[in-house]
Amino acid sequence: MKRRDLIARYGRLGLIAAALALIAGIIAAPVLTRIWYPTAVVAFR
């Protein structure tokens, strides 16, 4: 393969990986914030 073809292929793979990571971050953000920062429960007597 020519160098230009390799750059195009790896560039495309990089863009796909970045898009998937962005989508996964958008989906996972609300779930992870609930796990990491639970709402404080205060019990009154």
C-alpha atoms as a PDB file:
ATOM      1  CA  MET A   1       0.000   0.000   0.000  1.00  0.00           C
ATOM      2  CA  LYS A   2       1.065   3.489  -0.609  1.00  0.00           C
ATOM      3  CA  ARG A   3       1.754   5.821   2.257  1.00  0.00           C
ATOM      4  CA  ARG A   4      -1.217   7.994   1.333  1.00  0.00           C
ATOM      5  CA  ASP A   5      -3.580   5.003   1.519  1.00  0.00           C
ATOM      6  CA  LEU A   6      -2.254   4.038   4.937  1.00  0.00           C
ATOM      7  CA  ILE A   7      -2.717   7.563   6.257  1.00  0.00           C
ATOM      8  CA  ALA A   8      -6.273   7.624   4.921  1.00  0.00           C
ATOM      9  CA  ARG A   9      -7.078   4.236   6.464  1.00  0.00           C
ATOM     10  CA  TYR A  10      -5.656   5.050   9.888  1.00  0.00           C
ATOM     11  CA  GLY A  11      -7.252   8.485   9.809  1.00  0.00           C
ATOM     12  CA  ARG A  12     -10.625   6.921   9.125  1.00  0.00           C
ATOM     13  CA  LEU A  13     -10.139   4.394  11.922  1.00  0.00           C
ATOM     14  CA  GLY A  14      -9.133   7.199  14.270  1.00  0.00           C
ATOM     15  CA  LEU A  15     -12.251   9.202  13.440  1.00  0.00           C
ATOM     16  CA  ILE A  16     -14.464   6.159  13.989  1.00  0.00           C
ATOM     17  CA  ALA A  17     -12.801   5.456  17.343  1.00  0.00           C
ATOM     18  CA  ALA A  18     -13.203   9.099  18.402  1.00  0.00           C
ATOM     19  CA  ALA A  19     -16.877   9.097  17.415  1.00  0.00           C
ATOM     20  CA  LEU A  20     -17.545   5.898  19.348  1.00  0.00           C
ATOM     21  CA  ALA A  21     -15.729   7.252  22.407  1.00  0.00           C
ATOM     22  CA  LEU A  22     -17.785  10.453  22.239  1.00  0.00           C
ATOM     23  CA  ILE A  23     -21.054   8.543  21.996  1.00  0.00           C
ATOM     24  CA  ALA A  24     -20.033   6.218  24.838  1.00  0.00           C
ATOM     25  CA  GLY A  25     -19.111   9.234  26.979  1.00  0.00           C
ATOM     26  CA  ILE A  26     -22.457  10.901  26.356  1.00  0.00           C
ATOM     27  CA  ILE A  27     -24.325   7.715  27.248  1.00  0.00           C
ATOM     28  CA  ALA A  28     -22.179   6.844  30.271  1.00  0.00           C
ATOM     29  CA  ALA A  29     -21.939  10.328  31.829  1.00  0.00           C
ATOM     30  CA  PRO A  30     -25.337  10.344  33.612  1.00  0.00           C
ATOM     31  CA  VAL A  31     -24.834   6.795  34.876  1.00  0.00           C
ATOM     32  CA  LEU A  32     -21.328   7.427  36.176  1.00  0.00           C
ATOM     33  CA  THR A  33     -22.239  10.659  37.942  1.00  0.00           C
ATOM     34  CA  ARG A  34     -24.912   8.797  39.895  1.00  0.00           C
ATOM     35  CA  ILE A  35     -22.377   6.169  40.922  1.00  0.00           C
ATOM     36  CA  TRP A  36     -19.517   8.558  41.779  1.00  0.00           C
ATOM     37  CA  TYR A  37     -21.565  11.329  43.393  1.00  0.00           C
ATOM     38  CA  PRO A  38     -24.537   9.800  45.166  1.00  0.00           C
ATOM     39  CA  THR A  39     -27.066  12.231  46.573  1.00  0.00           C
ATOM     40  CA  ALA A  40     -26.630  12.750  50.289  1.00  0.00           C
ATOM     41  CA  VAL A  41     -29.450  11.346  52.366  1.00  0.00           C
ATOM     42  CA  VAL A  42     -30.069  13.221  55.604  1.00  0.00           C
ATOM     43  CA  ALA A  43     -32.207  11.563  58.237  1.00  0.00           C
ATOM     44  CA  PHE A  44     -34.053  13.807  60.662  1.00  0.00           C
ATOM     45  CA  ARG A  45     -35.212  12.561  64.044  1.00  0.00           C
END
